[in-house]
């Protein structure tokens, strides 16, 4: 049981470290996203419909406009 708890804590620490390093990893979006189109290109080269959509997926580094522009 202690090993399971230690593994879970280590997993959370590793996820936090990845974000601190600035790695661009998309996460599942479980929230409500406002519906309007103001495309942004995420650091993972994926176009999101608006900044809130990108952030809902865990992408906080993005630029204005679609990725293919």
PDB file of N, CA and C in Angstrom:
ATOM      1  N   UNK A   1       0.822  -1.191   0.000  1.00  0.00           N
ATOM      2  CA  UNK A   1       0.000   0.000   0.000  1.00  0.00           C
ATOM      3  C   UNK A   1       0.867   1.256   0.000  1.00  0.00           C
ATOM      4  N   UNK A   2       1.929   1.253   0.827  1.00  0.00           N
ATOM      5  CA  UNK A   2       2.820   2.415   0.874  1.00  0.00           C
ATOM      6  C   UNK A   2       3.496   2.635  -0.473  1.00  0.00           C
ATOM      7  N   UNK A   3       3.840   1.530  -1.157  1.00  0.00           N
ATOM      8  CA  UNK A   3       4.489   1.659  -2.466  1.00  0.00           C
ATOM      9  C   UNK A   3       3.539   2.289  -3.473  1.00  0.00           C
ATOM     10  N   UNK A   4       2.260   1.951  -3.409  1.00  0.00           N
ATOM     11  CA  UNK A   4       1.272   2.528  -4.312  1.00  0.00           C
ATOM     12  C   UNK A   4       1.129   4.030  -4.083  1.00  0.00           C
ATOM     13  N   UNK A   5       1.083   4.434  -2.841  1.00  0.00           N
ATOM     14  CA  UNK A   5       0.973   5.860  -2.509  1.00  0.00           C
ATOM     15  C   UNK A   5       2.235   6.598  -2.970  1.00  0.00           C
ATOM     16  N   UNK A   6       3.389   6.020  -2.733  1.00  0.00           N
ATOM     17  CA  UNK A   6       4.646   6.650  -3.147  1.00  0.00           C
ATOM     18  C   UNK A   6       4.696   6.794  -4.667  1.00  0.00           C
ATOM     19  N   UNK A   7       4.225   5.779  -5.396  1.00  0.00           N
ATOM     20  CA  UNK A   7       4.205   5.834  -6.857  1.00  0.00           C
ATOM     21  C   UNK A   7       3.270   6.935  -7.335  1.00  0.00           C
ATOM     22  N   UNK A   8       2.107   7.075  -6.712  1.00  0.00           N
ATOM     23  CA  UNK A   8       1.155   8.117  -7.097  1.00  0.00           C
ATOM     24  C   UNK A   8       1.746   9.505  -6.854  1.00  0.00           C
ATOM     25  N   UNK A   9       2.399   9.692  -5.743  1.00  0.00           N
ATOM     26  CA  UNK A   9       3.014  10.988  -5.432  1.00  0.00           C
ATOM     27  C   UNK A   9       4.124  11.293  -6.427  1.00  0.00           C
ATOM     28  N   UNK A  10       4.933  10.306  -6.753  1.00  0.00           N
ATOM     29  CA  UNK A  10       6.004  10.490  -7.718  1.00  0.00           C
ATOM     30  C   UNK A  10       5.440  10.856  -9.083  1.00  0.00           C
ATOM     31  N   UNK A  11       4.350  10.206  -9.480  1.00  0.00           N
ATOM     32  CA  UNK A  11       3.707  10.511 -10.752  1.00  0.00           C
ATOM     33  C   UNK A  11       3.243  11.954 -10.821  1.00  0.00           C
ATOM     34  N   UNK A  12       2.646  12.456  -9.767  1.00  0.00           N
ATOM     35  CA  UNK A  12       2.192  13.842  -9.718  1.00  0.00           C
ATOM     36  C   UNK A  12       3.385  14.784  -9.792  1.00  0.00           C
ATOM     37  N   UNK A  13       4.458  14.438  -9.112  1.00  0.00           N
ATOM     38  CA  UNK A  13       5.658  15.280  -9.145  1.00  0.00           C
ATOM     39  C   UNK A  13       6.240  15.327 -10.546  1.00  0.00           C
ATOM     40  N   UNK A  14       6.249  14.200 -11.256  1.00  0.00           N
ATOM     41  CA  UNK A  14       6.796  14.165 -12.613  1.00  0.00           C
ATOM     42  C   UNK A  14       5.949  15.002 -13.567  1.00  0.00           C
ATOM     43  N   UNK A  15       4.630  14.957 -13.427  1.00  0.00           N
ATOM     44  CA  UNK A  15       3.757  15.765 -14.267  1.00  0.00           C
ATOM     45  C   UNK A  15       4.038  17.235 -14.023  1.00  0.00           C
ATOM     46  N   UNK A  16       4.189  17.622 -12.772  1.00  0.00           N
ATOM     47  CA  UNK A  16       4.485  19.006 -12.438  1.00  0.00           C
ATOM     48  C   UNK A  16       5.818  19.433 -13.035  1.00  0.00           C
ATOM     49  N   UNK A  17       6.802  18.554 -12.982  1.00  0.00           N
ATOM     50  CA  UNK A  17       8.113  18.893 -13.528  1.00  0.00           C
ATOM     51  C   UNK A  17       8.039  19.091 -15.029  1.00  0.00           C
ATOM     52  N   UNK A  18       7.274  18.272 -15.747  1.00  0.00           N
ATOM     53  CA  UNK A  18       7.128  18.436 -17.183  1.00  0.00           C
ATOM     54  C   UNK A  18       6.566  19.806 -17.504  1.00  0.00           C
ATOM     55  N   UNK A  19       5.566  20.250 -16.778  1.00  0.00           N
ATOM     56  CA  UNK A  19       4.980  21.557 -17.020  1.00  0.00           C
ATOM     57  C   UNK A  19       5.973  22.663 -16.703  1.00  0.00           C
ATOM     58  N   UNK A  20       6.770  22.473 -15.647  1.00  0.00           N
ATOM     59  CA  UNK A  20       7.757  23.482 -15.269  1.00  0.00           C
ATOM     60  C   UNK A  20       8.834  23.629 -16.337  1.00  0.00           C
ATOM     61  N   UNK A  21       9.143  22.562 -17.040  1.00  0.00           N
ATOM     62  CA  UNK A  21      10.154  22.615 -18.089  1.00  0.00           C
ATOM     63  C   UNK A  21       9.621  23.263 -19.357  1.00  0.00           C
ATOM     64  N   UNK A  22       8.341  23.521 -19.400  1.00  0.00           N
ATOM     65  CA  UNK A  22       7.772  24.158 -20.571  1.00  0.00           C
ATOM     66  C   UNK A  22       7.461  23.193 -21.703  1.00  0.00           C
ATOM     67  N   UNK A  23       7.422  21.891 -21.422  1.00  0.00           N
ATOM     68  CA  UNK A  23       7.071  20.950 -22.459  1.00  0.00           C
ATOM     69  C   UNK A  23       5.613  21.147 -22.838  1.00  0.00           C
ATOM     70  N   UNK A  24       5.319  20.921 -24.085  1.00  0.00           N
ATOM     71  CA  UNK A  24       3.981  21.161 -24.597  1.00  0.00           C
ATOM     72  C   UNK A  24       3.252  19.830 -24.752  1.00  0.00           C
ATOM     73  N   UNK A  25       2.429  19.494 -23.787  1.00  0.00           N
ATOM     74  CA  UNK A  25       1.723  18.214 -23.783  1.00  0.00           C
ATOM     75  C   UNK A  25       0.229  18.480 -23.670  1.00  0.00           C
ATOM     76  N   UNK A  26      -0.521  18.029 -24.665  1.00  0.00           N
ATOM     77  CA  UNK A  26      -1.970  18.225 -24.639  1.00  0.00           C
ATOM     78  C   UNK A  26      -2.606  17.280 -23.630  1.00  0.00           C
ATOM     79  N   UNK A  27      -3.564  17.801 -22.897  1.00  0.00           N
ATOM     80  CA  UNK A  27      -4.296  17.027 -21.905  1.00  0.00           C
ATOM     81  C   UNK A  27      -5.759  16.934 -22.331  1.00  0.00           C
ATOM     82  N   UNK A  28      -6.489  15.956 -21.817  1.00  0.00           N
ATOM     83  CA  UNK A  28      -7.926  15.900 -22.115  1.00  0.00           C
ATOM     84  C   UNK A  28      -8.635  17.132 -21.569  1.00  0.00           C
ATOM     85  N   UNK A  29      -9.612  17.610 -22.297  1.00  0.00           N
ATOM     86  CA  UNK A  29     -10.375  18.781 -21.873  1.00  0.00           C
ATOM     87  C   UNK A  29     -11.683  18.313 -21.249  1.00  0.00           C
ATOM     88  N   UNK A  30     -11.869  18.641 -19.988  1.00  0.00           N
ATOM     89  CA  UNK A  30     -13.081  18.225 -19.288  1.00  0.00           C
ATOM     90  C   UNK A  30     -13.972  19.393 -18.915  1.00  0.00           C
ATOM     91  N   UNK A  31     -13.671  20.566 -19.424  1.00  0.00           N
ATOM     92  CA  UNK A  31     -14.435  21.755 -19.046  1.00  0.00           C
ATOM     93  C   UNK A  31     -15.286  22.270 -20.181  1.00  0.00           C
ATOM     94  N   UNK A  32     -16.065  23.276 -19.894  1.00  0.00           N
ATOM     95  CA  UNK A  32     -16.883  23.920 -20.913  1.00  0.00           C
ATOM     96  C   UNK A  32     -16.036  24.971 -21.622  1.00  0.00           C
ATOM     97  N   UNK A  33     -16.166  25.019 -22.932  1.00  0.00           N
ATOM     98  CA  UNK A  33     -15.399  25.962 -23.740  1.00  0.00           C
ATOM     99  C   UNK A  33     -16.365  26.921 -24.417  1.00  0.00           C
ATOM    100  N   UNK A  34     -16.127  28.234 -24.320  1.00  0.00           N
ATOM    101  CA  UNK A  34     -16.985  29.178 -25.032  1.00  0.00           C
ATOM    102  C   UNK A  34     -16.860  28.939 -26.542  1.00  0.00           C
ATOM    103  N   UNK A  35     -17.968  29.075 -27.256  1.00  0.00           N
ATOM    104  CA  UNK A  35     -17.961  28.812 -28.693  1.00  0.00           C
ATOM    105  C   UNK A  35     -17.848  30.120 -29.467  1.00  0.00           C
ATOM    106  N   UNK A  36     -16.654  30.414 -29.918  1.00  0.00           N
ATOM    107  CA  UNK A  36     -16.396  31.503 -30.864  1.00  0.00           C
ATOM    108  C   UNK A  36     -15.102  31.134 -31.574  1.00  0.00           C
ATOM    109  N   UNK A  37     -14.893  31.679 -32.750  1.00  0.00           N
ATOM    110  CA  UNK A  37     -13.719  31.307 -33.527  1.00  0.00           C
ATOM    111  C   UNK A  37     -12.709  32.436 -33.564  1.00  0.00           C
ATOM    112  N   UNK A  38     -11.627  32.226 -32.845  1.00  0.00           N
ATOM    113  CA  UNK A  38     -10.475  33.124 -32.839  1.00  0.00           C
ATOM    114  C   UNK A  38      -9.271  32.191 -32.722  1.00  0.00           C
ATOM    115  N   UNK A  39      -8.884  31.569 -33.846  1.00  0.00           N
ATOM    116  CA  UNK A  39      -7.917  30.473 -33.793  1.00  0.00           C
ATOM    117  C   UNK A  39      -6.567  30.868 -33.198  1.00  0.00           C
ATOM    118  N   UNK A  40      -5.987  29.909 -32.493  1.00  0.00           N
ATOM    119  CA  UNK A  40      -4.637  30.037 -31.963  1.00  0.00           C
ATOM    120  C   UNK A  40      -3.871  28.766 -32.298  1.00  0.00           C
ATOM    121  N   UNK A  41      -2.567  28.927 -32.487  1.00  0.00           N
ATOM    122  CA  UNK A  41      -1.694  27.788 -32.776  1.00  0.00           C
ATOM    123  C   UNK A  41      -0.937  27.441 -31.507  1.00  0.00           C
ATOM    124  N   UNK A  42      -1.170  26.234 -31.003  1.00  0.00           N
ATOM    125  CA  UNK A  42      -0.506  25.789 -29.784  1.00  0.00           C
ATOM    126  C   UNK A  42       0.950  25.446 -30.015  1.00  0.00           C
ATOM    127  N   UNK A  43       1.717  25.382 -28.941  1.00  0.00           N
ATOM    128  CA  UNK A  43       3.131  25.027 -29.018  1.00  0.00           C
ATOM    129  C   UNK A  43       3.331  23.612 -29.569  1.00  0.00           C
ATOM    130  N   UNK A  44       2.245  22.846 -29.652  1.00  0.00           N
ATOM    131  CA  UNK A  44       2.294  21.497 -30.203  1.00  0.00           C
ATOM    132  C   UNK A  44       1.880  21.467 -31.674  1.00  0.00           C
ATOM    133  N   UNK A  45       1.796  22.647 -32.318  1.00  0.00           N
ATOM    134  CA  UNK A  45       1.413  22.801 -33.725  1.00  0.00           C
ATOM    135  C   UNK A  45       0.009  22.289 -34.022  1.00  0.00           C
ATOM    136  N   UNK A  46      -0.893  22.429 -33.064  1.00  0.00           N
ATOM    137  CA  UNK A  46      -2.300  22.095 -33.247  1.00  0.00           C
ATOM    138  C   UNK A  46      -3.086  23.395 -33.177  1.00  0.00           C
ATOM    139  N   UNK A  47      -4.028  23.592 -34.132  1.00  0.00           N
ATOM    140  CA  UNK A  47      -4.871  24.778 -34.120  1.00  0.00           C
ATOM    141  C   UNK A  47      -6.065  24.536 -33.205  1.00  0.00           C
ATOM    142  N   UNK A  48      -6.309  25.477 -32.299  1.00  0.00           N
ATOM    143  CA  UNK A  48      -7.458  25.435 -31.399  1.00  0.00           C
ATOM    144  C   UNK A  48      -8.394  26.566 -31.790  1.00  0.00           C
ATOM    145  N   UNK A  49      -9.680  26.388 -31.570  1.00  0.00           N
ATOM    146  CA  UNK A  49     -10.669  27.364 -32.033  1.00  0.00           C
ATOM    147  C   UNK A  49     -10.572  28.706 -31.320  1.00  0.00           C
ATOM    148  N   UNK A  50     -10.058  28.729 -30.087  1.00  0.00           N
ATOM    149  CA  UNK A  50      -9.875  29.974 -29.349  1.00  0.00           C
ATOM    150  C   UNK A  50      -8.919  29.716 -28.180  1.00  0.00           C
ATOM    151  N   UNK A  51      -8.443  30.759 -27.524  1.00  0.00           N
ATOM    152  CA  UNK A  51      -7.499  30.559 -26.419  1.00  0.00           C
ATOM    153  C   UNK A  51      -8.044  29.678 -25.293  1.00  0.00           C
ATOM    154  N   UNK A  52      -9.327  29.802 -24.990  1.00  0.00           N
ATOM    155  CA  UNK A  52      -9.903  28.990 -23.916  1.00  0.00           C
ATOM    156  C   UNK A  52      -9.872  27.505 -24.276  1.00  0.00           C
ATOM    157  N   UNK A  53     -10.072  27.189 -25.556  1.00  0.00           N
ATOM    158  CA  UNK A  53     -10.003  25.807 -26.015  1.00  0.00           C
ATOM    159  C   UNK A  53      -8.595  25.264 -25.803  1.00  0.00           C
ATOM    160  N   UNK A  54      -7.582  26.040 -26.176  1.00  0.00           N
ATOM    161  CA  UNK A  54      -6.190  25.616 -25.987  1.00  0.00           C
ATOM    162  C   UNK A  54      -5.889  25.394 -24.512  1.00  0.00           C
ATOM    163  N   UNK A  55      -6.274  26.350 -23.681  1.00  0.00           N
ATOM    164  CA  UNK A  55      -5.979  26.246 -22.255  1.00  0.00           C
ATOM    165  C   UNK A  55      -6.731  25.101 -21.593  1.00  0.00           C
ATOM    166  N   UNK A  56      -7.935  24.813 -22.069  1.00  0.00           N
ATOM    167  CA  UNK A  56      -8.687  23.684 -21.536  1.00  0.00           C
ATOM    168  C   UNK A  56      -7.935  22.374 -21.786  1.00  0.00           C
ATOM    169  N   UNK A  57      -7.171  22.326 -22.890  1.00  0.00           N
ATOM    170  CA  UNK A  57      -6.379  21.141 -23.217  1.00  0.00           C
ATOM    171  C   UNK A  57      -4.981  21.185 -22.595  1.00  0.00           C
ATOM    172  N   UNK A  58      -4.728  22.174 -21.739  1.00  0.00           N
ATOM    173  CA  UNK A  58      -3.443  22.247 -21.057  1.00  0.00           C
ATOM    174  C   UNK A  58      -2.363  22.943 -21.858  1.00  0.00           C
ATOM    175  N   UNK A  59      -2.736  23.628 -22.924  1.00  0.00           N
ATOM    176  CA  UNK A  59      -1.774  24.338 -23.768  1.00  0.00           C
ATOM    177  C   UNK A  59      -1.824  25.814 -23.395  1.00  0.00           C
ATOM    178  N   UNK A  60      -0.758  26.303 -22.787  1.00  0.00           N
ATOM    179  CA  UNK A  60      -0.712  27.694 -22.335  1.00  0.00           C
ATOM    180  C   UNK A  60       0.243  28.543 -23.162  1.00  0.00           C
ATOM    181  N   UNK A  61       1.002  27.910 -24.055  1.00  0.00           N
ATOM    182  CA  UNK A  61       1.877  28.643 -24.954  1.00  0.00           C
ATOM    183  C   UNK A  61       1.298  28.509 -26.358  1.00  0.00           C
ATOM    184  N   UNK A  62       0.850  29.611 -26.898  1.00  0.00           N
ATOM    185  CA  UNK A  62       0.262  29.600 -28.236  1.00  0.00           C
ATOM    186  C   UNK A  62       0.413  30.985 -28.849  1.00  0.00           C
ATOM    187  N   UNK A  63       0.198  31.035 -30.156  1.00  0.00           N
ATOM    188  CA  UNK A  63       0.247  32.319 -30.865  1.00  0.00           C
ATOM    189  C   UNK A  63      -1.075  32.510 -31.585  1.00  0.00           C
ATOM    190  N   UNK A  64      -1.407  33.747 -31.908  1.00  0.00           N
ATOM    191  CA  UNK A  64      -2.653  34.030 -32.612  1.00  0.00           C
ATOM    192  C   UNK A  64      -2.593  33.477 -34.030  1.00  0.00           C
ATOM    193  N   UNK A  65      -3.722  33.001 -34.514  1.00  0.00           N
ATOM    194  CA  UNK A  65      -3.824  32.478 -35.871  1.00  0.00           C
ATOM    195  C   UNK A  65      -3.693  30.971 -35.912  1.00  0.00           C
ATOM    196  N   UNK A  66      -4.184  30.415 -37.009  1.00  0.00           N
ATOM    197  CA  UNK A  66      -4.107  28.976 -37.218  1.00  0.00           C
ATOM    198  C   UNK A  66      -2.653  28.562 -37.474  1.00  0.00           C
ATOM    199  N   UNK A  67      -2.344  27.322 -37.210  1.00  0.00           N
ATOM    200  CA  UNK A  67      -0.951  26.843 -37.354  1.00  0.00           C
ATOM    201  C   UNK A  67      -0.484  26.848 -38.806  1.00  0.00           C
ATOM    202  N   UNK A  68      -1.378  26.663 -39.749  1.00  0.00           N
ATOM    203  CA  UNK A  68      -0.965  26.572 -41.146  1.00  0.00           C
ATOM    204  C   UNK A  68      -0.823  27.929 -41.813  1.00  0.00           C
ATOM    205  N   UNK A  69      -0.980  29.015 -41.055  1.00  0.00           N
ATOM    206  CA  UNK A  69      -0.837  30.360 -41.633  1.00  0.00           C
ATOM    207  C   UNK A  69       0.608  30.768 -41.713  1.00  0.00           C
TER     208      UNK A  69
END
